[in-house]
C-alpha atoms as a PDB file:
ATOM      1  CA  UNK A   1      17.146 -37.249  -0.656  1.00  0.00           C
ATOM      2  CA  UNK A   2      17.223 -35.963  -4.196  1.00  0.00           C
ATOM      3  CA  UNK A   3      20.425 -35.370  -6.101  1.00  0.00           C
ATOM      4  CA  UNK A   4      20.930 -32.758  -8.788  1.00  0.00           C
ATOM      5  CA  UNK A   5      17.398 -32.535 -10.126  1.00  0.00           C
ATOM      6  CA  UNK A   6      16.014 -30.061 -12.634  1.00  0.00           C
ATOM      7  CA  UNK A   7      16.284 -26.890 -10.572  1.00  0.00           C
ATOM      8  CA  UNK A   8      16.039 -24.488 -13.453  1.00  0.00           C
ATOM      9  CA  UNK A   9      14.263 -24.496 -16.791  1.00  0.00           C
ATOM     10  CA  UNK A  10      17.244 -23.247 -18.788  1.00  0.00           C
ATOM     11  CA  UNK A  11      20.954 -23.964 -18.606  1.00  0.00           C
ATOM     12  CA  UNK A  12      23.045 -22.136 -17.724  1.00  0.00           C
ATOM     13  CA  UNK A  13      20.627 -20.412 -15.368  1.00  0.00           C
ATOM     14  CA  UNK A  14      20.539 -16.626 -15.312  1.00  0.00           C
ATOM     15  CA  UNK A  15      19.001 -14.582 -12.503  1.00  0.00           C
ATOM     16  CA  UNK A  16      15.630 -13.012 -13.132  1.00  0.00           C
ATOM     17  CA  UNK A  17      15.745  -9.266 -13.854  1.00  0.00           C
ATOM     18  CA  UNK A  18      14.667  -8.359 -10.307  1.00  0.00           C
ATOM     19  CA  UNK A  19      17.465 -10.558  -8.883  1.00  0.00           C
ATOM     20  CA  UNK A  20      20.401  -8.889 -10.633  1.00  0.00           C
ATOM     21  CA  UNK A  21      21.492  -6.755  -7.685  1.00  0.00           C
ATOM     22  CA  UNK A  22      21.536  -9.757  -5.348  1.00  0.00           C
ATOM     23  CA  UNK A  23      23.322 -11.798  -8.009  1.00  0.00           C
ATOM     24  CA  UNK A  24      26.055  -9.187  -8.311  1.00  0.00           C
ATOM     25  CA  UNK A  25      26.526  -9.206  -4.535  1.00  0.00           C
ATOM     26  CA  UNK A  26      26.812 -13.005  -4.485  1.00  0.00           C
ATOM     27  CA  UNK A  27      29.345 -12.966  -7.315  1.00  0.00           C
ATOM     28  CA  UNK A  28      31.354 -10.312  -5.528  1.00  0.00           C
ATOM     29  CA  UNK A  29      31.470 -12.497  -2.406  1.00  0.00           C
ATOM     30  CA  UNK A  30      32.646 -15.439  -4.511  1.00  0.00           C
ATOM     31  CA  UNK A  31      35.366 -13.385  -6.221  1.00  0.00           C
ATOM     32  CA  UNK A  32      36.575 -12.011  -2.870  1.00  0.00           C
ATOM     33  CA  UNK A  33      36.460 -15.393  -1.128  1.00  0.00           C
ATOM     34  CA  UNK A  34      33.824 -14.056   1.278  1.00  0.00           C
ATOM     35  CA  UNK A  35      31.001 -16.482   0.548  1.00  0.00           C
ATOM     36  CA  UNK A  36      29.577 -17.831   3.834  1.00  0.00           C
ATOM     37  CA  UNK A  37      29.164 -21.556   4.421  1.00  0.00           C
ATOM     38  CA  UNK A  38      25.365 -21.220   4.745  1.00  0.00           C
ATOM     39  CA  UNK A  39      22.892 -18.886   3.028  1.00  0.00           C
ATOM     40  CA  UNK A  40      19.178 -18.555   3.624  1.00  0.00           C
ATOM     41  CA  UNK A  41      17.285 -17.132   0.666  1.00  0.00           C
ATOM     42  CA  UNK A  42      14.067 -15.868   2.238  1.00  0.00           C
ATOM     43  CA  UNK A  43      10.975 -14.253   0.850  1.00  0.00           C
ATOM     44  CA  UNK A  44       7.416 -14.906  -0.294  1.00  0.00           C
ATOM     45  CA  UNK A  45       6.608 -17.787  -2.668  1.00  0.00           C
ATOM     46  CA  UNK A  46       6.841 -17.039  -6.365  1.00  0.00           C
ATOM     47  CA  UNK A  47       9.790 -14.628  -6.407  1.00  0.00           C
ATOM     48  CA  UNK A  48      12.337 -17.152  -7.748  1.00  0.00           C
ATOM     49  CA  UNK A  49      14.325 -18.105  -4.639  1.00  0.00           C
ATOM     50  CA  UNK A  50      14.793 -21.725  -5.760  1.00  0.00           C
ATOM     51  CA  UNK A  51      15.805 -20.555  -9.228  1.00  0.00           C
ATOM     52  CA  UNK A  52      18.436 -18.246  -7.749  1.00  0.00           C
ATOM     53  CA  UNK A  53      19.727 -21.102  -5.591  1.00  0.00           C
ATOM     54  CA  UNK A  54      20.066 -23.229  -8.733  1.00  0.00           C
ATOM     55  CA  UNK A  55      21.899 -20.488 -10.614  1.00  0.00           C
ATOM     56  CA  UNK A  56      24.306 -20.051  -7.693  1.00  0.00           C
ATOM     57  CA  UNK A  57      24.918 -23.804  -7.486  1.00  0.00           C
ATOM     58  CA  UNK A  58      25.708 -23.916 -11.206  1.00  0.00           C
ATOM     59  CA  UNK A  59      28.042 -20.934 -10.882  1.00  0.00           C
ATOM     60  CA  UNK A  60      29.989 -22.533  -8.011  1.00  0.00           C
ATOM     61  CA  UNK A  61      30.248 -25.993  -9.565  1.00  0.00           C
ATOM     62  CA  UNK A  62      31.205 -24.814 -13.072  1.00  0.00           C
ATOM     63  CA  UNK A  63      34.910 -25.297 -13.826  1.00  0.00           C
ATOM     64  CA  UNK A  64      35.163 -22.242 -16.123  1.00  0.00           C
ATOM     65  CA  UNK A  65      32.485 -19.669 -15.254  1.00  0.00           C
ATOM     66  CA  UNK A  66      32.068 -16.811 -17.697  1.00  0.00           C
ATOM     67  CA  UNK A  67      30.799 -13.339 -16.793  1.00  0.00           C
ATOM     68  CA  UNK A  68      29.598 -14.579 -13.426  1.00  0.00           C
ATOM     69  CA  UNK A  69      27.550 -17.543 -14.668  1.00  0.00           C
ATOM     70  CA  UNK A  70      28.178 -21.186 -15.483  1.00  0.00           C
ATOM     71  CA  UNK A  71      29.811 -21.685 -18.874  1.00  0.00           C
ATOM     72  CA  UNK A  72      27.523 -24.530 -19.920  1.00  0.00           C
ATOM     73  CA  UNK A  73      30.379 -26.304 -21.715  1.00  0.00           C
ATOM     74  CA  UNK A  74      32.742 -27.852 -19.167  1.00  0.00           C
ATOM     75  CA  UNK A  75      32.572 -31.406 -17.800  1.00  0.00           C
ATOM     76  CA  UNK A  76      30.947 -30.181 -14.600  1.00  0.00           C
ATOM     77  CA  UNK A  77      28.259 -28.325 -16.536  1.00  0.00           C
ATOM     78  CA  UNK A  78      27.622 -31.477 -18.526  1.00  0.00           C
ATOM     79  CA  UNK A  79      26.962 -33.335 -15.293  1.00  0.00           C
ATOM     80  CA  UNK A  80      24.687 -30.540 -14.100  1.00  0.00           C
ATOM     81  CA  UNK A  81      22.702 -30.616 -17.348  1.00  0.00           C
ATOM     82  CA  UNK A  82      22.290 -34.371 -16.989  1.00  0.00           C
ATOM     83  CA  UNK A  83      21.228 -33.902 -13.314  1.00  0.00           C
ATOM     84  CA  UNK A  84      24.017 -36.287 -12.259  1.00  0.00           C
ATOM     85  CA  UNK A  85      26.548 -33.958 -10.635  1.00  0.00           C
ATOM     86  CA  UNK A  86      27.851 -35.835  -7.569  1.00  0.00           C
ATOM     87  CA  UNK A  87      28.651 -32.650  -5.630  1.00  0.00           C
ATOM     88  CA  UNK A  88      25.176 -31.118  -5.810  1.00  0.00           C
ATOM     89  CA  UNK A  89      22.436 -32.295  -3.467  1.00  0.00           C
ATOM     90  CA  UNK A  90      18.890 -30.982  -3.629  1.00  0.00           C
ATOM     91  CA  UNK A  91      16.920 -31.900  -0.541  1.00  0.00           C
ATOM     92  CA  UNK A  92      13.141 -31.521  -0.574  1.00  0.00           C
ATOM     93  CA  UNK A  93      10.177 -33.281   1.048  1.00  0.00           C
ATOM     94  CA  UNK A  94       9.166 -36.476  -0.700  1.00  0.00           C
ATOM     95  CA  UNK A  95       5.761 -34.865  -1.330  1.00  0.00           C
ATOM     96  CA  UNK A  96       4.682 -31.196  -1.180  1.00  0.00           C
ATOM     97  CA  UNK A  97       3.480 -30.326   2.284  1.00  0.00           C
ATOM     98  CA  UNK A  98       5.384 -33.197   3.917  1.00  0.00           C
ATOM     99  CA  UNK A  99       8.326 -32.928   6.285  1.00  0.00           C
ATOM    100  CA  UNK A 100      12.013 -33.263   5.474  1.00  0.00           C
ATOM    101  CA  UNK A 101      12.896 -36.360   7.476  1.00  0.00           C
ATOM    102  CA  UNK A 102      15.753 -36.753   9.920  1.00  0.00           C
ATOM    103  CA  UNK A 103      17.110 -39.776   8.012  1.00  0.00           C
ATOM    104  CA  UNK A 104      17.593 -37.576   4.927  1.00  0.00           C
ATOM    105  CA  UNK A 105      19.495 -35.011   6.998  1.00  0.00           C
ATOM    106  CA  UNK A 106      21.686 -37.720   8.531  1.00  0.00           C
ATOM    107  CA  UNK A 107      22.487 -39.079   5.070  1.00  0.00           C
ATOM    108  CA  UNK A 108      23.307 -35.542   3.942  1.00  0.00           C
ATOM    109  CA  UNK A 109      25.626 -35.008   6.916  1.00  0.00           C
ATOM    110  CA  UNK A 110      27.519 -38.210   6.129  1.00  0.00           C
ATOM    111  CA  UNK A 111      27.916 -37.295   2.456  1.00  0.00           C
ATOM    112  CA  UNK A 112      29.288 -33.858   3.308  1.00  0.00           C
ATOM    113  CA  UNK A 113      32.107 -35.514   5.221  1.00  0.00           C
ATOM    114  CA  UNK A 114      33.502 -36.809   1.916  1.00  0.00           C
ATOM    115  CA  UNK A 115      35.744 -34.854  -0.434  1.00  0.00           C
ATOM    116  CA  UNK A 116      34.112 -33.244  -3.462  1.00  0.00           C
ATOM    117  CA  UNK A 117      34.348 -35.714  -6.332  1.00  0.00           C
ATOM    118  CA  UNK A 118      34.980 -32.978  -8.901  1.00  0.00           C
ATOM    119  CA  UNK A 119      37.576 -31.270  -6.736  1.00  0.00           C
ATOM    120  CA  UNK A 120      35.665 -28.028  -6.192  1.00  0.00           C
ATOM    121  CA  UNK A 121      32.670 -27.006  -4.133  1.00  0.00           C
ATOM    122  CA  UNK A 122      30.002 -29.214  -2.625  1.00  0.00           C
ATOM    123  CA  UNK A 123      26.595 -27.511  -2.732  1.00  0.00           C
ATOM    124  CA  UNK A 124      23.389 -28.411  -0.931  1.00  0.00           C
ATOM    125  CA  UNK A 125      20.040 -26.782  -1.637  1.00  0.00           C
ATOM    126  CA  UNK A 126      17.358 -27.443   0.982  1.00  0.00           C
ATOM    127  CA  UNK A 127      13.867 -26.285   0.097  1.00  0.00           C
ATOM    128  CA  UNK A 128      11.747 -25.336   1.933  1.00  0.00           C
ATOM    129  CA  UNK A 129      13.841 -25.040   5.070  1.00  0.00           C
ATOM    130  CA  UNK A 130      10.728 -24.767   7.240  1.00  0.00           C
ATOM    131  CA  UNK A 131       9.765 -28.305   6.212  1.00  0.00           C
ATOM    132  CA  UNK A 132      12.402 -29.655   8.625  1.00  0.00           C
ATOM    133  CA  UNK A 133      10.889 -30.777  11.903  1.00  0.00           C
ATOM    134  CA  UNK A 134      12.760 -30.136  15.162  1.00  0.00           C
ATOM    135  CA  UNK A 135      14.668 -33.431  15.017  1.00  0.00           C
ATOM    136  CA  UNK A 136      15.765 -32.897  11.412  1.00  0.00           C
ATOM    137  CA  UNK A 137      16.799 -29.289  12.138  1.00  0.00           C
ATOM    138  CA  UNK A 138      18.825 -30.354  15.167  1.00  0.00           C
ATOM    139  CA  UNK A 139      20.540 -33.010  13.042  1.00  0.00           C
ATOM    140  CA  UNK A 140      21.571 -30.276  10.595  1.00  0.00           C
ATOM    141  CA  UNK A 141      23.034 -28.072  13.316  1.00  0.00           C
ATOM    142  CA  UNK A 142      26.302 -30.011  13.579  1.00  0.00           C
ATOM    143  CA  UNK A 143      26.949 -29.453   9.869  1.00  0.00           C
ATOM    144  CA  UNK A 144      26.240 -25.742  10.242  1.00  0.00           C
ATOM    145  CA  UNK A 145      28.419 -25.457  13.346  1.00  0.00           C
ATOM    146  CA  UNK A 146      31.367 -27.332  11.840  1.00  0.00           C
ATOM    147  CA  UNK A 147      31.203 -26.652   8.093  1.00  0.00           C
ATOM    148  CA  UNK A 148      33.610 -28.399   5.768  1.00  0.00           C
ATOM    149  CA  UNK A 149      35.809 -26.362   3.456  1.00  0.00           C
ATOM    150  CA  UNK A 150      34.372 -25.419   0.055  1.00  0.00           C
ATOM    151  CA  UNK A 151      30.872 -26.422   1.122  1.00  0.00           C
ATOM    152  CA  UNK A 152      27.817 -24.234   0.709  1.00  0.00           C
ATOM    153  CA  UNK A 153      24.376 -24.926   2.174  1.00  0.00           C
ATOM    154  CA  UNK A 154      21.605 -22.882   0.561  1.00  0.00           C
ATOM    155  CA  UNK A 155      18.402 -22.918   2.572  1.00  0.00           C
ATOM    156  CA  UNK A 156      15.351 -21.651   0.726  1.00  0.00           C
ATOM    157  CA  UNK A 157      12.582 -20.401   2.990  1.00  0.00           C
ATOM    158  CA  UNK A 158       9.137 -18.926   2.392  1.00  0.00           C
ATOM    159  CA  UNK A 159       8.681 -18.463   6.171  1.00  0.00           C
ATOM    160  CA  UNK A 160      12.033 -17.944   7.922  1.00  0.00           C
ATOM    161  CA  UNK A 161      10.247 -17.372  11.249  1.00  0.00           C
ATOM    162  CA  UNK A 162       9.106 -21.010  11.041  1.00  0.00           C
ATOM    163  CA  UNK A 163      12.749 -22.192  10.953  1.00  0.00           C
ATOM    164  CA  UNK A 164      14.477 -22.878  14.285  1.00  0.00           C
ATOM    165  CA  UNK A 165      16.338 -19.781  15.523  1.00  0.00           C
ATOM    166  CA  UNK A 166      19.466 -21.924  15.993  1.00  0.00           C
ATOM    167  CA  UNK A 167      19.390 -22.689  12.269  1.00  0.00           C
ATOM    168  CA  UNK A 168      18.679 -19.102  11.212  1.00  0.00           C
ATOM    169  CA  UNK A 169      21.477 -17.717  13.365  1.00  0.00           C
ATOM    170  CA  UNK A 170      24.034 -19.874  11.549  1.00  0.00           C
ATOM    171  CA  UNK A 171      22.979 -18.697   8.089  1.00  0.00           C
ATOM    172  CA  UNK A 172      23.562 -15.435   6.294  1.00  0.00           C
ATOM    173  CA  UNK A 173      19.988 -14.400   5.512  1.00  0.00           C
ATOM    174  CA  UNK A 174      19.445 -12.818   2.102  1.00  0.00           C
ATOM    175  CA  UNK A 175      15.892 -11.392   1.823  1.00  0.00           C
ATOM    176  CA  UNK A 176      14.274 -11.571  -1.605  1.00  0.00           C
ATOM    177  CA  UNK A 177      11.117  -9.432  -1.333  1.00  0.00           C
ATOM    178  CA  UNK A 178       8.406  -8.917  -3.908  1.00  0.00           C
ATOM    179  CA  UNK A 179       9.941  -6.880  -6.756  1.00  0.00           C
ATOM    180  CA  UNK A 180       8.518  -3.644  -8.089  1.00  0.00           C
ATOM    181  CA  UNK A 181       5.466  -4.267 -10.271  1.00  0.00           C
ATOM    182  CA  UNK A 182       6.886  -2.144 -13.106  1.00  0.00           C
ATOM    183  CA  UNK A 183       9.981  -4.334 -13.293  1.00  0.00           C
ATOM    184  CA  UNK A 184       7.936  -7.524 -13.274  1.00  0.00           C
ATOM    185  CA  UNK A 185       5.527  -6.312 -15.947  1.00  0.00           C
ATOM    186  CA  UNK A 186       8.430  -5.598 -18.323  1.00  0.00           C
ATOM    187  CA  UNK A 187       9.388  -9.275 -17.955  1.00  0.00           C
ATOM    188  CA  UNK A 188       5.892 -10.755 -17.825  1.00  0.00           C
ATOM    189  CA  UNK A 189       4.108  -8.878 -20.614  1.00  0.00           C
ATOM    190  CA  UNK A 190       5.984 -10.526 -23.536  1.00  0.00           C
ATOM    191  CA  UNK A 191       5.514 -13.952 -21.931  1.00  0.00           C
ATOM    192  CA  UNK A 192       1.715 -13.671 -21.855  1.00  0.00           C
ATOM    193  CA  UNK A 193       1.464 -12.294 -25.382  1.00  0.00           C
ATOM    194  CA  UNK A 194      -1.126 -14.247 -27.361  1.00  0.00           C
ATOM    195  CA  UNK A 195      -2.722 -15.786 -24.272  1.00  0.00           C
ATOM    196  CA  UNK A 196      -5.652 -13.373 -24.263  1.00  0.00           C
ATOM    197  CA  UNK A 197      -4.818 -12.431 -20.680  1.00  0.00           C
ATOM    198  CA  UNK A 198      -3.482  -9.205 -19.264  1.00  0.00           C
ATOM    199  CA  UNK A 199      -0.136  -9.301 -17.460  1.00  0.00           C
ATOM    200  CA  UNK A 200      -1.476  -6.774 -14.969  1.00  0.00           C
ATOM    201  CA  UNK A 201      -4.428  -8.978 -13.985  1.00  0.00           C
ATOM    202  CA  UNK A 202      -2.190 -12.013 -13.582  1.00  0.00           C
ATOM    203  CA  UNK A 203       0.192 -10.060 -11.360  1.00  0.00           C
ATOM    204  CA  UNK A 204      -2.704  -8.712  -9.282  1.00  0.00           C
ATOM    205  CA  UNK A 205      -4.119 -12.206  -8.850  1.00  0.00           C
ATOM    206  CA  UNK A 206      -0.661 -13.389  -7.820  1.00  0.00           C
ATOM    207  CA  UNK A 207      -0.320 -10.467  -5.380  1.00  0.00           C
ATOM    208  CA  UNK A 208       2.870  -9.303  -7.031  1.00  0.00           C
ATOM    209  CA  UNK A 209       4.692 -12.662  -7.148  1.00  0.00           C
ATOM    210  CA  UNK A 210       6.183 -12.942 -10.670  1.00  0.00           C
ATOM    211  CA  UNK A 211       6.449 -16.728 -10.991  1.00  0.00           C
ATOM    212  CA  UNK A 212       3.045 -17.250  -9.421  1.00  0.00           C
ATOM    213  CA  UNK A 213       1.633 -14.867 -12.024  1.00  0.00           C
ATOM    214  CA  UNK A 214       3.308 -16.763 -14.852  1.00  0.00           C
ATOM    215  CA  UNK A 215       2.096 -20.069 -13.404  1.00  0.00           C
ATOM    216  CA  UNK A 216      -1.499 -18.899 -13.668  1.00  0.00           C
ATOM    217  CA  UNK A 217      -1.205 -19.448 -17.429  1.00  0.00           C
ATOM    218  CA  UNK A 218      -0.969 -23.202 -16.835  1.00  0.00           C
ATOM    219  CA  UNK A 219      -4.207 -25.097 -17.381  1.00  0.00           C
ATOM    220  CA  UNK A 220      -7.095 -23.732 -15.337  1.00  0.00           C
ATOM    221  CA  UNK A 221      -5.039 -22.300 -12.486  1.00  0.00           C
ATOM    222  CA  UNK A 222      -6.235 -18.754 -13.104  1.00  0.00           C
ATOM    223  CA  UNK A 223      -9.846 -19.913 -13.070  1.00  0.00           C
ATOM    224  CA  UNK A 224      -9.196 -21.866  -9.858  1.00  0.00           C
ATOM    225  CA  UNK A 225      -7.795 -18.740  -8.211  1.00  0.00           C
ATOM    226  CA  UNK A 226     -10.751 -16.660  -9.380  1.00  0.00           C
ATOM    227  CA  UNK A 227     -13.127 -19.299  -8.017  1.00  0.00           C
ATOM    228  CA  UNK A 228     -11.290 -19.427  -4.691  1.00  0.00           C
ATOM    229  CA  UNK A 229     -11.667 -15.668  -4.311  1.00  0.00           C
ATOM    230  CA  UNK A 230     -15.333 -15.696  -5.343  1.00  0.00           C
ATOM    231  CA  UNK A 231     -16.155 -18.502  -2.894  1.00  0.00           C
ATOM    232  CA  UNK A 232     -14.377 -16.785  -0.018  1.00  0.00           C
ATOM    233  CA  UNK A 233     -16.259 -13.560  -0.718  1.00  0.00           C
ATOM    234  CA  UNK A 234     -19.500 -15.592  -0.684  1.00  0.00           C
ATOM    235  CA  UNK A 235     -18.485 -16.737   2.796  1.00  0.00           C
ATOM    236  CA  UNK A 236     -17.926 -13.111   3.801  1.00  0.00           C
ATOM    237  CA  UNK A 237     -21.376 -12.279   2.382  1.00  0.00           C
ATOM    238  CA  UNK A 238     -23.014 -15.272   4.166  1.00  0.00           C
ATOM    239  CA  UNK A 239     -23.917 -16.915   0.848  1.00  0.00           C
ATOM    240  CA  UNK A 240     -21.702 -19.929   1.527  1.00  0.00           C
ATOM    241  CA  UNK A 241     -21.096 -21.745   4.803  1.00  0.00           C
ATOM    242  CA  UNK A 242     -17.705 -22.483   6.325  1.00  0.00           C
ATOM    243  CA  UNK A 243     -18.420 -26.211   5.976  1.00  0.00           C
ATOM    244  CA  UNK A 244     -19.190 -25.870   2.266  1.00  0.00           C
ATOM    245  CA  UNK A 245     -16.080 -23.807   1.599  1.00  0.00           C
ATOM    246  CA  UNK A 246     -13.868 -26.163   3.621  1.00  0.00           C
ATOM    247  CA  UNK A 247     -15.211 -29.054   1.544  1.00  0.00           C
ATOM    248  CA  UNK A 248     -14.351 -27.182  -1.674  1.00  0.00           C
ATOM    249  CA  UNK A 249     -10.845 -26.219  -0.545  1.00  0.00           C
ATOM    250  CA  UNK A 250      -9.841 -29.616   0.829  1.00  0.00           C
ATOM    251  CA  UNK A 251     -10.298 -31.103  -2.659  1.00  0.00           C
ATOM    252  CA  UNK A 252      -7.471 -28.929  -3.967  1.00  0.00           C
ATOM    253  CA  UNK A 253      -4.039 -27.825  -2.776  1.00  0.00           C
ATOM    254  CA  UNK A 254      -4.607 -26.953   0.885  1.00  0.00           C
ATOM    255  CA  UNK A 255      -1.176 -25.347   1.255  1.00  0.00           C
ATOM    256  CA  UNK A 256      -1.906 -23.072  -1.701  1.00  0.00           C
ATOM    257  CA  UNK A 257      -5.309 -22.173  -0.244  1.00  0.00           C
ATOM    258  CA  UNK A 258      -3.725 -21.221   3.088  1.00  0.00           C
ATOM    259  CA  UNK A 259      -1.096 -19.133   1.296  1.00  0.00           C
ATOM    260  CA  UNK A 260      -3.807 -17.413  -0.763  1.00  0.00           C
ATOM    261  CA  UNK A 261      -5.834 -16.609   2.361  1.00  0.00           C
ATOM    262  CA  UNK A 262      -2.757 -15.180   4.082  1.00  0.00           C
ATOM    263  CA  UNK A 263      -2.159 -12.882   1.130  1.00  0.00           C
ATOM    264  CA  UNK A 264      -5.826 -11.832   1.052  1.00  0.00           C
ATOM    265  CA  UNK A 265      -5.749 -10.959   4.752  1.00  0.00           C
ATOM    266  CA  UNK A 266      -2.526  -8.968   4.337  1.00  0.00           C
ATOM    267  CA  UNK A 267      -4.275  -7.069   1.541  1.00  0.00           C
ATOM    268  CA  UNK A 268      -7.231  -6.483   3.867  1.00  0.00           C
ATOM    269  CA  UNK A 269      -4.962  -5.101   6.593  1.00  0.00           C
ATOM    270  CA  UNK A 270      -3.409  -2.684   4.087  1.00  0.00           C
ATOM    271  CA  UNK A 271      -6.819  -1.750   2.679  1.00  0.00           C
ATOM    272  CA  UNK A 272      -8.108  -0.911   6.153  1.00  0.00           C
ATOM    273  CA  UNK A 273      -5.351   1.697   6.441  1.00  0.00           C
ATOM    274  CA  UNK A 274      -6.448   3.374   3.217  1.00  0.00           C
ATOM    275  CA  UNK A 275      -4.184   1.629   0.698  1.00  0.00           C
ATOM    276  CA  UNK A 276      -6.033   0.873  -2.534  1.00  0.00           C
ATOM    277  CA  UNK A 277      -6.508  -2.839  -3.296  1.00  0.00           C
ATOM    278  CA  UNK A 278      -8.395  -3.391  -6.560  1.00  0.00           C
ATOM    279  CA  UNK A 279     -10.102  -6.641  -5.523  1.00  0.00           C
ATOM    280  CA  UNK A 280     -11.388  -5.127  -2.277  1.00  0.00           C
ATOM    281  CA  UNK A 281     -12.294  -1.769  -3.824  1.00  0.00           C
ATOM    282  CA  UNK A 282     -14.607  -3.656  -6.218  1.00  0.00           C
ATOM    283  CA  UNK A 283     -16.618  -5.414  -3.479  1.00  0.00           C
ATOM    284  CA  UNK A 284     -20.278  -4.549  -2.811  1.00  0.00           C
ATOM    285  CA  UNK A 285     -20.634  -1.670  -0.360  1.00  0.00           C
ATOM    286  CA  UNK A 286     -22.212  -3.784   2.416  1.00  0.00           C
ATOM    287  CA  UNK A 287     -19.322  -6.293   2.312  1.00  0.00           C
ATOM    288  CA  UNK A 288     -16.810  -3.439   2.373  1.00  0.00           C
ATOM    289  CA  UNK A 289     -18.574  -2.005   5.422  1.00  0.00           C
ATOM    290  CA  UNK A 290     -18.325  -5.312   7.281  1.00  0.00           C
ATOM    291  CA  UNK A 291     -14.627  -5.710   6.457  1.00  0.00           C
ATOM    292  CA  UNK A 292     -13.948  -2.103   7.474  1.00  0.00           C
ATOM    293  CA  UNK A 293     -15.429  -2.760  10.930  1.00  0.00           C
ATOM    294  CA  UNK A 294     -13.102  -5.667  11.756  1.00  0.00           C
ATOM    295  CA  UNK A 295     -10.924  -4.364  14.610  1.00  0.00           C
ATOM    296  CA  UNK A 296      -7.238  -4.412  13.575  1.00  0.00           C
ATOM    297  CA  UNK A 297      -6.318  -6.257  16.799  1.00  0.00           C
ATOM    298  CA  UNK A 298      -8.842  -8.993  15.983  1.00  0.00           C
ATOM    299  CA  UNK A 299      -7.572  -9.255  12.417  1.00  0.00           C
ATOM    300  CA  UNK A 300      -4.023  -9.513  13.769  1.00  0.00           C
ATOM    301  CA  UNK A 301      -5.026 -12.375  16.106  1.00  0.00           C
ATOM    302  CA  UNK A 302      -6.667 -14.216  13.238  1.00  0.00           C
ATOM    303  CA  UNK A 303      -3.546 -13.748  11.116  1.00  0.00           C
ATOM    304  CA  UNK A 304      -1.480 -15.235  13.948  1.00  0.00           C
ATOM    305  CA  UNK A 305      -3.793 -18.249  14.031  1.00  0.00           C
ATOM    306  CA  UNK A 306      -3.500 -18.652  10.266  1.00  0.00           C
ATOM    307  CA  UNK A 307       0.299 -18.517  10.477  1.00  0.00           C
ATOM    308  CA  UNK A 308       0.185 -21.220  13.177  1.00  0.00           C
ATOM    309  CA  UNK A 309      -1.998 -23.346  10.887  1.00  0.00           C
ATOM    310  CA  UNK A 310       0.490 -22.814   8.077  1.00  0.00           C
ATOM    311  CA  UNK A 311       3.355 -23.969  10.311  1.00  0.00           C
ATOM    312  CA  UNK A 312       1.315 -27.018  11.305  1.00  0.00           C
ATOM    313  CA  UNK A 313       0.635 -27.821   7.665  1.00  0.00           C
ATOM    314  CA  UNK A 314       4.300 -27.423   6.673  1.00  0.00           C
ATOM    315  CA  UNK A 315       5.474 -29.541   9.600  1.00  0.00           C
ATOM    316  CA  UNK A 316       4.296 -32.695   7.833  1.00  0.00           C
ATOM    317  CA  UNK A 317       2.148 -33.648  10.829  1.00  0.00           C
ATOM    318  CA  UNK A 318      -0.596 -34.782   8.400  1.00  0.00           C
ATOM    319  CA  UNK A 319      -3.536 -32.933   9.986  1.00  0.00           C
ATOM    320  CA  UNK A 320      -7.051 -33.758   8.826  1.00  0.00           C
ATOM    321  CA  UNK A 321      -7.554 -31.343   5.933  1.00  0.00           C
ATOM    322  CA  UNK A 322     -11.316 -31.027   6.299  1.00  0.00           C
ATOM    323  CA  UNK A 323     -11.223 -30.390  10.057  1.00  0.00           C
ATOM    324  CA  UNK A 324      -8.307 -27.956   9.768  1.00  0.00           C
ATOM    325  CA  UNK A 325     -10.091 -25.885   7.125  1.00  0.00           C
ATOM    326  CA  UNK A 326     -13.447 -26.035   8.891  1.00  0.00           C
ATOM    327  CA  UNK A 327     -11.936 -24.671  12.108  1.00  0.00           C
ATOM    328  CA  UNK A 328     -10.092 -21.942  10.234  1.00  0.00           C
ATOM    329  CA  UNK A 329     -13.133 -20.800   8.265  1.00  0.00           C
ATOM    330  CA  UNK A 330     -15.536 -21.075  11.228  1.00  0.00           C
ATOM    331  CA  UNK A 331     -13.176 -18.801  13.170  1.00  0.00           C
ATOM    332  CA  UNK A 332     -13.295 -16.318  10.302  1.00  0.00           C
ATOM    333  CA  UNK A 333     -17.069 -16.399  10.592  1.00  0.00           C
ATOM    334  CA  UNK A 334     -16.702 -15.415  14.260  1.00  0.00           C
ATOM    335  CA  UNK A 335     -14.496 -12.479  13.230  1.00  0.00           C
ATOM    336  CA  UNK A 336     -17.155 -11.314  10.751  1.00  0.00           C
ATOM    337  CA  UNK A 337     -19.981 -11.617  13.270  1.00  0.00           C
ATOM    338  CA  UNK A 338     -18.084  -9.508  15.766  1.00  0.00           C
ATOM    339  CA  UNK A 339     -17.523  -6.908  13.043  1.00  0.00           C
ATOM    340  CA  UNK A 340     -21.236  -6.853  12.200  1.00  0.00           C
ATOM    341  CA  UNK A 341     -22.180  -6.475  15.877  1.00  0.00           C
ATOM    342  CA  UNK A 342     -19.888  -3.453  15.997  1.00  0.00           C
ATOM    343  CA  UNK A 343     -22.101  -1.701  13.471  1.00  0.00           C
END
């Protein structure tokens, strides 16, 4: 179990521009004493849910907040800056893609039974909530059912449907969807100045997720994403086999590859209904024709399978990466063959 780690790049943390409305609502709940004991910040990866959780934790633990944010000067803020605040717990898997273990939840439950050492709130941030297996989630239920005073649990979830319904029902769910592209571009454009890259391309590659777009500036991540898309389109065009692509993908971040494929398939579903998607509009005509012929019901079934694979991956069950990807991509090949037979 991690304590107050570096949740935000700057201190005190401020909400991103597209989070200001939600931030005002949270502050209003604090001022009116209406803050629930458990929040679930839900939405797609890359919209800043963890950042918002960190800003809220700072705001609650600060001893003299100013204009709705942590002051950055009090003793409590000093502890937060040093990542040593005793009343903030950040609980994450030991490694990305692994499960949050039941022992960590039990330790958390015991610690929440103690009085806040700084005399104010105790705050827990659990991210991602779907990384809890059934045993860990059940261990957390008692805390959610019998919350201590001045305690806030913030669950951050990319896939709230993958969290036990008994957990979800005890949280106030605050959706954080993809923000409007115009609002993101105002924020992103100055940040990419001098990089030689266009903010619009980065945002398109990130499918509208602001922080994912910004992250593509790091190292060769943009090139990796371009390569992933090119290789998948080669699979669609029968220029690369499922086995070859699975071998390529298992060498990288499998969770990121699954998330990318989910986004690509959602784009495909929209594109089939007539919504313009630049990456798909630019495909060769024969590939477009094949993708157009995929029956929506079949695409929906494949999406369901992919979501099940994602849940399996997030569960920390340690599946064989190569076999998991091979099965997933071979099944996509079946979908394409059925589409081509429909011609």
